[in-house]
């Protein structure tokens, strides 16, 4: 009986081997481009397993143009395992030789010295060098897309230089450095003309401001540029005739004080910039063909957004102080001709403070007001804003918790001081053009009363969406009992 079981097991293994070999042969017979596309979805561990299938699989894996090295400290919890992994990846890169790399994604979780242990592990002491070597190898293999998300080991006392060969590569089209703390980027030679079309730099140090001049002068093909957490510099100046998209993120106030961006082909700019003192900061934009702008953070003295004649969509979500009306007004004047506008509560309050002149936004047809509550102290400013938008068709009042907000916004506010009669007395012209409304209700009755006013006076209204909590079940009944003047669809969304 035992002998029969062994025979069955042997037959089963042989059958499985035949089936596996059949699948491998089918895969190997695919057109090379198709096989490589399928392999591009595998990380290095899965690719290594595939290479064990046959000689053909090994050749395919070594020639795969897409590589994904993705490892965390959880995957390699001991130094011995890390060394084995490093050796394995070194061998893989060696056996690839000069096979072209189209895209290389490297995520590496650094190895840190344990608390109370002053001596680094000798097994991992050259880990940083080996990781940098992989980047060199990728450049040697004419990599086109390079993405690096690396926490280097903390064995080095001084910052390492970012591999200069990356910026001197003629094949590289896209470089994304999510983070490489402890790495310093030095300015490449100005004589070299880069073919980069997309450059995204995250958490790393820039040696000096000449690097941005190099981008302006030597990156003739650059279309998308992102800085998100770069350090060690005070000023960024980009003047590019080819740039189309610019993103700048520094929400926690680093050393950067001055930002100047200029480009006739610029279509989209996103800025998320927070700092403590406004007097020493400046923002200058020259983008005559810009059609999208999003600016989140603090406002500086006399921001210069330029003449934005082509702007179609703008989101100004600032955190101004009480006495910064003029600075906010200057910023809003640049986007007055926009069709789609988004503002947050603090910006609206600063723009329509006591004694201020209401601004006119005759071209705006869609407004998004981002507020935590339709509070009593917001409504007078909100009325002034709406009074200057006679052609408004779409209104969204919601709460985006991701935008920059003042700590004082967390304080409980009054939100029940304005009823239906108040809104009737305002004679708001936009009400007759209004077609679509979204209102997220919070505590208090102001939001409900404003929604009732719209339902009973907006003759052209087609759709209203009310976002409320399960605890506000009485809202549904109250709004359904309103005398809706139009054929609008009223929907409720619990959140």
Protein backbone atom coordinates (compact mmCIF):
# COMPACT_ATOMS: atom_id res chain seq x y z
CA UNK A 1 0.00 0.00 0.00
CA UNK A 2 2.84 2.38 0.88
CA UNK A 3 4.53 1.54 -2.41
CA UNK A 4 1.34 2.49 -4.36
CA UNK A 5 1.13 5.83 -2.54
CA UNK A 6 4.73 6.61 -3.49
CA UNK A 7 3.96 5.78 -7.11
CA UNK A 8 0.94 8.10 -7.07
CA UNK A 9 2.99 10.90 -5.53
CA UNK A 10 5.72 10.46 -8.12
CA UNK A 11 3.20 10.47 -10.94
CA UNK A 12 1.56 13.58 -9.51
CA UNK A 13 4.89 15.43 -9.31
CA UNK A 14 5.81 14.42 -12.84
CA UNK A 15 2.41 15.53 -14.11
CA UNK A 16 2.78 18.87 -12.36
CA UNK A 17 6.23 19.30 -13.84
CA UNK A 18 4.94 18.62 -17.33
CA UNK A 19 2.10 21.09 -16.80
CA UNK A 20 4.50 23.76 -15.50
CA UNK A 21 6.91 23.22 -18.38
CA UNK A 22 4.01 23.53 -20.81
CA UNK A 23 2.97 26.87 -19.30
CA UNK A 24 6.60 28.09 -19.34
CA UNK A 25 6.98 27.13 -22.99
CA UNK A 26 3.77 28.95 -23.89
CA UNK A 27 5.00 32.06 -22.10
CA UNK A 28 8.41 31.84 -23.76
CA UNK A 29 6.76 31.65 -27.17
CA UNK A 30 4.99 34.99 -26.70
CA UNK A 31 6.31 38.02 -28.61
CA UNK A 32 9.14 39.56 -26.62
CA UNK A 33 7.31 42.87 -26.12
CA UNK A 34 4.23 41.06 -24.75
CA UNK A 35 6.30 38.89 -22.37
CA UNK A 36 8.20 41.93 -21.09
CA UNK A 37 4.95 43.83 -20.54
CA UNK A 38 3.61 40.98 -18.39
CA UNK A 39 6.85 40.79 -16.42
CA UNK A 40 6.72 44.55 -15.75
CA UNK A 41 3.97 43.88 -13.17
CA UNK A 42 6.29 41.66 -11.07
CA UNK A 43 8.57 42.84 -8.28
CA UNK A 44 12.12 41.52 -8.05
CA UNK A 45 11.17 38.64 -5.76
CA UNK A 46 8.47 37.39 -8.15
CA UNK A 47 10.76 37.95 -11.14
CA UNK A 48 13.46 35.84 -9.49
CA UNK A 49 11.02 33.00 -8.92
CA UNK A 50 9.95 33.17 -12.54
CA UNK A 51 13.57 32.96 -13.68
CA UNK A 52 13.85 29.52 -12.03
CA UNK A 53 11.27 28.04 -14.43
CA UNK A 54 13.65 27.37 -17.31
CA UNK A 55 16.62 28.70 -19.19
CA UNK A 56 14.26 30.74 -21.36
CA UNK A 57 12.58 32.21 -18.28
CA UNK A 58 15.95 33.17 -16.87
CA UNK A 59 16.90 34.94 -20.08
CA UNK A 60 13.55 36.73 -20.14
CA UNK A 61 13.88 37.88 -16.51
CA UNK A 62 17.41 39.17 -17.05
CA UNK A 63 16.31 41.10 -20.13
CA UNK A 64 13.13 42.52 -18.58
CA UNK A 65 13.18 46.30 -19.13
CA UNK A 66 11.11 47.02 -15.99
CA UNK A 67 12.63 46.41 -12.55
CA UNK A 68 10.94 46.88 -9.17
CA UNK A 69 13.21 46.55 -6.13
CA UNK A 70 10.85 46.93 -3.18
CA UNK A 71 11.96 45.93 0.33
CA UNK A 72 11.30 47.12 3.87
CA UNK A 73 13.03 46.36 7.16
CA UNK A 74 10.17 43.94 7.91
CA UNK A 75 11.24 41.80 4.95
CA UNK A 76 14.84 41.76 6.16
CA UNK A 77 14.67 41.80 9.95
CA UNK A 78 18.23 40.58 10.56
CA UNK A 79 21.57 41.72 9.20
CA UNK A 80 22.25 38.26 7.78
CA UNK A 81 19.06 38.37 5.73
CA UNK A 82 19.87 41.89 4.51
CA UNK A 83 23.31 40.79 3.35
CA UNK A 84 21.85 37.78 1.51
CA UNK A 85 19.36 40.06 -0.18
CA UNK A 86 22.04 42.58 -1.15
CA UNK A 87 24.19 39.80 -2.57
CA UNK A 88 21.26 38.41 -4.53
CA UNK A 89 20.42 41.78 -6.06
CA UNK A 90 24.09 42.45 -6.82
CA UNK A 91 24.26 39.16 -8.72
CA UNK A 92 21.03 39.92 -10.58
CA UNK A 93 22.31 43.32 -11.73
CA UNK A 94 25.66 41.77 -12.70
CA UNK A 95 24.08 39.04 -14.84
CA UNK A 96 21.83 41.58 -16.56
CA UNK A 97 24.95 43.14 -17.98
CA UNK A 98 23.98 45.95 -20.37
CA UNK A 99 20.39 44.90 -21.11
CA UNK A 100 18.33 48.07 -21.46
CA UNK A 101 16.29 49.20 -18.45
CA UNK A 102 13.22 51.15 -19.40
CA UNK A 103 11.98 51.78 -15.85
CA UNK A 104 13.61 51.17 -12.48
CA UNK A 105 11.68 51.60 -9.21
CA UNK A 106 13.75 51.25 -6.04
CA UNK A 107 12.12 51.31 -2.60
CA UNK A 108 14.58 50.59 0.20
CA UNK A 109 14.04 50.86 3.96
CA UNK A 110 17.30 51.82 5.63
CA UNK A 111 19.08 49.86 8.35
CA UNK A 112 19.50 51.81 11.58
CA UNK A 113 21.82 51.42 14.52
CA UNK A 114 19.93 50.00 17.47
CA UNK A 115 19.49 52.30 20.45
CA UNK A 116 22.31 51.87 22.95
CA UNK A 117 24.60 50.37 20.31
CA UNK A 118 27.26 52.84 19.14
CA UNK A 119 28.89 50.48 16.67
CA UNK A 120 27.34 49.87 13.22
CA UNK A 121 26.94 46.31 12.00
CA UNK A 122 30.02 45.43 9.92
CA UNK A 123 27.88 43.19 7.69
CA UNK A 124 25.78 46.15 6.50
CA UNK A 125 28.45 48.85 6.59
CA UNK A 126 28.66 49.14 2.80
CA UNK A 127 24.90 48.98 2.17
CA UNK A 128 24.63 52.60 1.04
CA UNK A 129 27.45 52.15 -1.45
CA UNK A 130 25.80 49.08 -2.95
CA UNK A 131 22.46 50.85 -3.36
CA UNK A 132 24.15 53.79 -5.10
CA UNK A 133 25.90 51.26 -7.35
CA UNK A 134 22.51 49.89 -8.51
CA UNK A 135 21.58 53.41 -9.59
CA UNK A 136 24.85 53.68 -11.53
CA UNK A 137 24.10 50.34 -13.19
CA UNK A 138 20.61 51.49 -14.17
CA UNK A 139 22.07 54.61 -15.81
CA UNK A 140 24.64 52.45 -17.61
CA UNK A 141 21.72 50.38 -18.98
CA UNK A 142 20.13 53.55 -20.45
CA UNK A 143 17.26 53.76 -17.98
CA UNK A 144 14.40 56.04 -19.12
CA UNK A 145 12.22 56.19 -15.98
CA UNK A 146 13.89 56.20 -12.56
CA UNK A 147 11.94 56.31 -9.28
CA UNK A 148 13.81 56.30 -5.95
CA UNK A 149 12.24 56.04 -2.49
CA UNK A 150 15.19 55.29 -0.23
CA UNK A 151 15.97 55.55 3.46
CA UNK A 152 19.71 55.08 3.57
CA UNK A 153 21.53 53.49 6.47
CA UNK A 154 22.49 55.93 9.21
CA UNK A 155 26.12 54.82 9.30
CA UNK A 156 27.41 57.79 7.33
CA UNK A 157 28.38 60.88 9.33
CA UNK A 158 28.33 63.23 6.32
CA UNK A 159 25.84 63.48 3.46
CA UNK A 160 26.48 61.43 0.35
CA UNK A 161 26.43 63.02 -3.08
CA UNK A 162 23.58 62.07 -5.38
CA UNK A 163 24.99 60.07 -8.32
CA UNK A 164 26.00 62.74 -10.84
CA UNK A 165 25.66 60.26 -13.70
CA UNK A 166 21.86 60.43 -13.33
CA UNK A 167 21.69 64.07 -14.46
CA UNK A 168 24.26 63.37 -17.19
CA UNK A 169 22.24 60.54 -18.70
CA UNK A 170 21.06 61.11 -22.27
CA UNK A 171 18.43 58.35 -22.04
CA UNK A 172 16.69 59.45 -18.82
CA UNK A 173 13.27 61.01 -19.42
CA UNK A 174 11.67 60.89 -15.95
CA UNK A 175 13.28 61.12 -12.50
CA UNK A 176 11.26 60.89 -9.30
CA UNK A 177 13.17 61.02 -5.99
CA UNK A 178 10.50 60.56 -3.31
CA UNK A 179 13.06 60.73 -0.53
CA UNK A 180 16.79 60.21 -0.02
CA UNK A 181 17.57 61.82 3.32
CA UNK A 182 21.26 62.44 3.78
CA UNK A 183 21.82 62.80 0.04
CA UNK A 184 22.99 66.09 -1.50
CA UNK A 185 22.29 67.04 -5.11
CA UNK A 186 25.12 68.98 -6.69
CA UNK A 187 24.66 71.19 -9.74
CA UNK A 188 25.52 69.38 -13.00
CA UNK A 189 27.64 71.06 -15.70
CA UNK A 190 25.68 73.76 -17.57
CA UNK A 191 27.20 72.62 -20.85
CA UNK A 192 25.27 69.33 -20.71
CA UNK A 193 21.81 69.41 -22.29
CA UNK A 194 19.45 67.08 -20.42
CA UNK A 195 16.56 65.19 -22.04
CA UNK A 196 14.51 65.10 -18.84
CA UNK A 197 10.82 65.80 -19.40
CA UNK A 198 9.66 65.06 -15.83
CA UNK A 199 11.62 65.84 -12.64
CA UNK A 200 10.19 65.29 -9.14
CA UNK A 201 12.38 65.87 -6.11
CA UNK A 202 11.23 65.05 -2.59
CA UNK A 203 13.07 65.00 0.71
CA UNK A 204 16.73 65.65 -0.02
CA UNK A 205 19.24 68.50 0.11
CA UNK A 206 20.18 70.84 -2.75
CA UNK A 207 23.79 72.02 -2.59
CA UNK A 208 23.05 75.54 -3.88
CA UNK A 209 20.56 77.57 -5.86
CA UNK A 210 22.58 77.18 -9.06
CA UNK A 211 20.84 73.82 -9.49
CA UNK A 212 17.59 75.62 -10.40
CA UNK A 213 19.46 77.73 -12.94
CA UNK A 214 20.74 74.50 -14.46
CA UNK A 215 17.14 73.28 -14.81
CA UNK A 216 16.19 76.55 -16.51
CA UNK A 217 19.16 76.57 -18.87
CA UNK A 218 19.98 72.93 -19.56
CA UNK A 219 16.65 71.08 -19.34
CA UNK A 220 15.23 72.17 -22.68
CA UNK A 221 12.61 69.37 -22.75
CA UNK A 222 11.31 69.70 -19.20
CA UNK A 223 7.50 69.65 -19.02
CA UNK A 224 6.71 68.69 -15.43
CA UNK A 225 8.60 69.87 -12.35
CA UNK A 226 7.85 69.05 -8.70
CA UNK A 227 9.62 70.08 -5.49
CA UNK A 228 8.22 68.47 -2.35
CA UNK A 229 10.37 68.98 0.71
CA UNK A 230 13.73 69.99 -0.79
CA UNK A 231 16.02 71.58 1.79
CA UNK A 232 19.15 73.64 2.31
CA UNK A 233 18.14 76.51 -0.03
CA UNK A 234 16.32 79.82 0.46
CA UNK A 235 15.27 80.71 -3.05
CA UNK A 236 13.85 78.83 -6.04
CA UNK A 237 13.82 80.50 -9.45
CA UNK A 238 12.64 78.59 -12.51
CA UNK A 239 12.43 80.24 -15.92
CA UNK A 240 11.58 77.61 -18.50
CA UNK A 241 10.18 77.99 -22.04
CA UNK A 242 9.08 74.32 -22.14
CA UNK A 243 7.59 73.79 -18.65
CA UNK A 244 3.86 72.93 -18.55
CA UNK A 245 3.25 71.69 -14.98
CA UNK A 246 4.84 73.03 -11.77
CA UNK A 247 4.21 71.69 -8.24
CA UNK A 248 5.72 73.07 -5.06
CA UNK A 249 5.06 71.56 -1.61
CA UNK A 250 6.55 72.98 1.59
CA UNK A 251 3.65 73.02 4.09
CA UNK A 252 5.70 73.03 7.29
CA UNK A 253 7.96 76.02 6.72
CA UNK A 254 11.51 75.10 5.72
CA UNK A 255 14.25 77.58 4.85
CA UNK A 256 12.69 78.49 1.49
CA UNK A 257 11.66 82.17 1.42
CA UNK A 258 11.36 83.11 -2.24
CA UNK A 259 9.64 81.35 -5.10
CA UNK A 260 9.70 82.60 -8.68
CA UNK A 261 8.26 80.60 -11.54
CA UNK A 262 8.13 81.77 -15.14
CA UNK A 263 7.05 80.00 -18.33
CA UNK A 264 4.89 80.83 -21.31
CA UNK A 265 3.76 77.22 -21.72
CA UNK A 266 2.79 76.74 -18.08
CA UNK A 267 -0.72 75.29 -17.82
CA UNK A 268 -0.92 74.09 -14.20
CA UNK A 269 0.62 75.36 -10.95
CA UNK A 270 0.06 73.84 -7.50
CA UNK A 271 1.59 75.49 -4.43
CA UNK A 272 1.32 74.23 -0.83
CA UNK A 273 3.48 76.59 1.22
CA UNK A 274 3.34 77.25 4.94
CA UNK A 275 5.60 79.52 6.99
CA UNK A 276 5.58 81.54 10.18
CA UNK A 277 6.58 85.07 9.12
CA UNK A 278 5.20 86.65 5.96
CA UNK A 279 7.55 89.64 5.70
CA UNK A 280 10.53 87.71 4.38
CA UNK A 281 8.67 85.64 1.78
CA UNK A 282 7.80 86.37 -1.82
CA UNK A 283 5.87 84.68 -4.62
CA UNK A 284 6.21 85.73 -8.25
CA UNK A 285 4.47 83.98 -11.14
CA UNK A 286 4.66 84.73 -14.84
CA UNK A 287 2.40 82.28 -16.67
CA UNK A 288 0.22 84.09 -19.23
CA UNK A 289 -1.28 80.81 -20.53
CA UNK A 290 -2.01 79.25 -17.14
CA UNK A 291 -5.42 77.55 -16.92
CA UNK A 292 -5.21 75.85 -13.47
CA UNK A 293 -3.96 77.28 -10.16
CA UNK A 294 -4.12 75.83 -6.64
CA UNK A 295 -2.49 77.80 -3.82
CA UNK A 296 -2.69 76.49 -0.25
CA UNK A 297 -0.97 77.95 2.81
CA UNK A 298 0.15 81.33 4.09
CA UNK A 299 -0.08 84.62 2.26
CA UNK A 300 2.95 86.87 1.87
CA UNK A 301 3.22 90.63 1.37
CA UNK A 302 2.17 91.66 -2.13
CA UNK A 303 2.04 88.29 -3.89
CA UNK A 304 2.50 88.68 -7.64
CA UNK A 305 0.46 86.14 -9.60
CA UNK A 306 0.70 88.07 -12.84
CA UNK A 307 -1.93 88.57 -15.52
CA UNK A 308 -3.81 85.29 -15.76
CA UNK A 309 -5.95 85.93 -18.82
CA UNK A 310 -6.37 82.23 -19.72
CA UNK A 311 -7.11 80.95 -16.21
CA UNK A 312 -10.12 78.62 -16.10
CA UNK A 313 -9.93 77.07 -12.61
CA UNK A 314 -8.42 78.41 -9.38
CA UNK A 315 -8.38 77.30 -5.73
CA UNK A 316 -7.12 79.89 -3.26
CA UNK A 317 -7.06 78.28 0.19
CA UNK A 318 -5.02 80.60 2.40
CA UNK A 319 -4.44 81.18 6.09
CA UNK A 320 -4.24 84.99 6.31
CA UNK A 321 -4.00 87.01 9.48
CA UNK A 322 -6.61 89.60 10.42
CA UNK A 323 -4.67 92.54 8.95
CA UNK A 324 -3.75 90.91 5.63
CA UNK A 325 -6.79 92.03 3.63
CA UNK A 326 -4.70 93.86 1.01
CA UNK A 327 -2.52 90.82 0.33
CA UNK A 328 -5.54 88.55 -0.07
CA UNK A 329 -7.28 91.12 -2.26
CA UNK A 330 -4.21 91.34 -4.54
CA UNK A 331 -4.19 87.57 -4.93
CA UNK A 332 -7.91 87.41 -5.73
CA UNK A 333 -7.68 90.23 -8.27
CA UNK A 334 -5.45 88.03 -10.41
CA UNK A 335 -8.09 85.28 -10.59
CA UNK A 336 -11.15 87.52 -10.96
CA UNK A 337 -11.87 86.37 -14.53
CA UNK A 338 -11.79 82.66 -13.69
CA UNK A 339 -14.85 80.47 -14.31
CA UNK A 340 -14.33 77.92 -11.52
CA UNK A 341 -13.20 79.20 -8.11
CA UNK A 342 -12.53 77.50 -4.80
CA UNK A 343 -12.06 79.44 -1.54
CA UNK A 344 -11.71 78.46 2.09
CA UNK A 345 -13.33 80.10 5.08
CA UNK A 346 -10.27 82.07 6.24
CA UNK A 347 -9.74 83.58 2.79
CA UNK A 348 -13.38 84.67 2.51
CA UNK A 349 -13.33 86.27 5.96
CA UNK A 350 -10.12 88.16 5.20
CA UNK A 351 -11.40 89.28 1.80
CA UNK A 352 -14.68 90.61 3.16
CA UNK A 353 -13.66 92.01 6.51
CA UNK A 354 -15.14 95.11 8.09
CA UNK A 355 -14.89 98.11 5.76
CA UNK A 356 -13.65 96.14 2.75
CA UNK A 357 -14.97 96.71 -0.76
CA UNK A 358 -16.90 93.71 -2.20
CA UNK A 359 -15.09 92.22 -5.19
CA UNK A 360 -16.94 91.40 -8.40
CA UNK A 361 -16.56 87.97 -10.01
CA UNK A 362 -18.91 88.27 -12.95
CA UNK A 363 -17.40 85.36 -14.91
CA UNK A 364 -17.55 82.77 -12.15
CA UNK A 365 -20.11 80.04 -12.79
CA UNK A 366 -18.88 77.47 -10.23
CA UNK A 367 -17.89 78.20 -6.61
CA UNK A 368 -16.56 75.77 -4.03
CA UNK A 369 -16.55 77.14 -0.48
CA UNK A 370 -14.47 75.02 1.86
CA UNK A 371 -15.57 75.58 5.45
CA UNK A 372 -15.89 73.52 8.60
CA UNK A 373 -19.20 75.17 9.43
CA UNK A 374 -21.63 77.72 8.00
CA UNK A 375 -21.03 79.76 11.13
CA UNK A 376 -22.59 83.04 12.23
CA UNK A 377 -19.31 84.93 11.74
CA UNK A 378 -18.86 83.51 8.21
CA UNK A 379 -22.29 84.36 6.76
CA UNK A 380 -21.85 88.18 6.35
CA UNK A 381 -18.65 87.56 4.38
CA UNK A 382 -20.32 84.74 2.49
CA UNK A 383 -23.19 87.05 1.48
CA UNK A 384 -20.74 89.68 0.21
CA UNK A 385 -18.97 87.02 -1.83
CA UNK A 386 -22.19 85.67 -3.38
CA UNK A 387 -23.42 89.18 -4.11
CA UNK A 388 -20.42 89.64 -6.41
CA UNK A 389 -21.22 86.49 -8.41
CA UNK A 390 -24.42 87.22 -10.34
CA UNK A 391 -23.82 84.45 -12.90
CA UNK A 392 -23.15 81.62 -10.46
CA UNK A 393 -24.67 78.30 -11.62
CA UNK A 394 -22.99 75.70 -9.40
CA UNK A 395 -22.33 76.02 -5.66
CA UNK A 396 -20.54 73.52 -3.42
CA UNK A 397 -20.22 74.11 0.33
CA UNK A 398 -18.18 71.34 1.91
CA UNK A 399 -15.33 70.48 4.24
CA UNK A 400 -11.99 69.29 2.89
CA UNK A 401 -9.98 68.38 5.98
CA UNK A 402 -6.77 68.15 3.92
CA UNK A 403 -6.46 71.88 3.30
CA UNK A 404 -4.53 74.27 5.50
CA UNK A 405 -6.63 75.52 8.44
CA UNK A 406 -5.90 77.62 11.48
CA UNK A 407 -5.86 75.99 14.90
CA UNK A 408 -8.54 78.42 16.02
CA UNK A 409 -10.91 76.75 13.53
CA UNK A 410 -11.14 73.81 15.93
CA UNK A 411 -13.00 75.98 18.46
CA UNK A 412 -16.76 75.37 18.60
CA UNK A 413 -18.59 78.20 16.78
CA UNK A 414 -22.17 79.46 16.71
CA UNK A 415 -24.06 78.39 13.59
CA UNK A 416 -27.74 79.11 14.20
CA UNK A 417 -28.18 82.87 13.97
CA UNK A 418 -29.50 83.30 10.41
CA UNK A 419 -32.87 82.02 9.28
CA UNK A 420 -34.86 81.99 6.03
CA UNK A 421 -36.07 85.58 6.48
CA UNK A 422 -32.49 86.85 6.59
CA UNK A 423 -31.67 85.25 3.24
CA UNK A 424 -34.81 86.65 1.63
CA UNK A 425 -33.75 90.18 2.59
CA UNK A 426 -30.35 89.86 0.86
CA UNK A 427 -31.77 90.00 -2.72
CA UNK A 428 -29.02 87.80 -4.15
CA UNK A 429 -29.15 87.84 -7.97
CA UNK A 430 -27.28 84.55 -8.39
CA UNK A 431 -30.26 82.62 -7.00
CA UNK A 432 -32.10 82.88 -10.36
CA UNK A 433 -29.23 81.24 -12.33
CA UNK A 434 -28.38 78.55 -9.79
CA UNK A 435 -28.64 75.01 -11.23
CA UNK A 436 -26.66 72.66 -8.97
CA UNK A 437 -25.91 72.79 -5.23
CA UNK A 438 -24.04 70.61 -2.74
CA UNK A 439 -24.14 71.46 0.95
CA UNK A 440 -22.46 69.54 3.73
CA UNK A 441 -24.37 70.22 6.94
CA UNK A 442 -22.65 70.57 10.30
CA UNK A 443 -24.01 71.54 13.70
CA UNK A 444 -26.47 74.40 13.85
CA UNK A 445 -29.38 75.48 11.65
CA UNK A 446 -27.65 77.94 9.31
CA UNK A 447 -26.93 75.33 6.66
CA UNK A 448 -30.48 73.98 6.74
CA UNK A 449 -32.00 77.47 6.46
CA UNK A 450 -29.74 78.35 3.53
CA UNK A 451 -30.69 75.08 1.78
CA UNK A 452 -34.40 75.86 2.28
CA UNK A 453 -33.90 79.34 0.86
CA UNK A 454 -32.32 77.88 -2.28
CA UNK A 455 -35.02 75.22 -2.73
CA UNK A 456 -37.81 77.78 -2.45
CA UNK A 457 -36.26 80.53 -4.62
CA UNK A 458 -33.90 78.96 -7.20
CA UNK A 459 -36.20 78.65 -10.21
CA UNK A 460 -33.56 77.02 -12.45
CA UNK A 461 -32.34 74.53 -9.84
CA UNK A 462 -31.86 71.02 -11.26
CA UNK A 463 -30.08 69.15 -8.47
CA UNK A 464 -29.34 69.58 -4.76
CA UNK A 465 -27.23 67.13 -2.78
CA UNK A 466 -27.31 67.36 1.03
CA UNK A 467 -24.49 65.68 2.95
CA UNK A 468 -25.40 65.06 6.59
CA UNK A 469 -24.68 62.71 9.48
CA UNK A 470 -27.04 59.89 10.55
CA UNK A 471 -27.86 61.99 13.63
CA UNK A 472 -29.46 64.66 11.42
CA UNK A 473 -32.43 62.56 10.29
CA UNK A 474 -34.79 65.48 11.00
CA UNK A 475 -33.06 67.42 8.21
CA UNK A 476 -34.48 65.12 5.53
CA UNK A 477 -38.01 65.68 6.75
CA UNK A 478 -37.60 69.44 7.06
CA UNK A 479 -36.16 69.91 3.56
CA UNK A 480 -38.64 67.54 1.95
CA UNK A 481 -41.41 69.70 3.38
CA UNK A 482 -40.00 72.81 1.69
CA UNK A 483 -42.00 74.40 -1.12
CA UNK A 484 -39.57 73.55 -3.91
CA UNK A 485 -40.06 76.10 -6.67
CA UNK A 486 -38.35 74.06 -9.41
CA UNK A 487 -38.29 70.45 -10.62
CA UNK A 488 -34.99 69.86 -8.86
CA UNK A 489 -33.86 66.44 -7.68
CA UNK A 490 -33.16 66.46 -3.93
CA UNK A 491 -30.74 63.77 -2.71
CA UNK A 492 -29.32 63.00 0.73
CA UNK A 493 -25.92 61.48 1.45
CA UNK A 494 -25.04 60.23 4.92
CA UNK A 495 -21.45 60.79 5.98
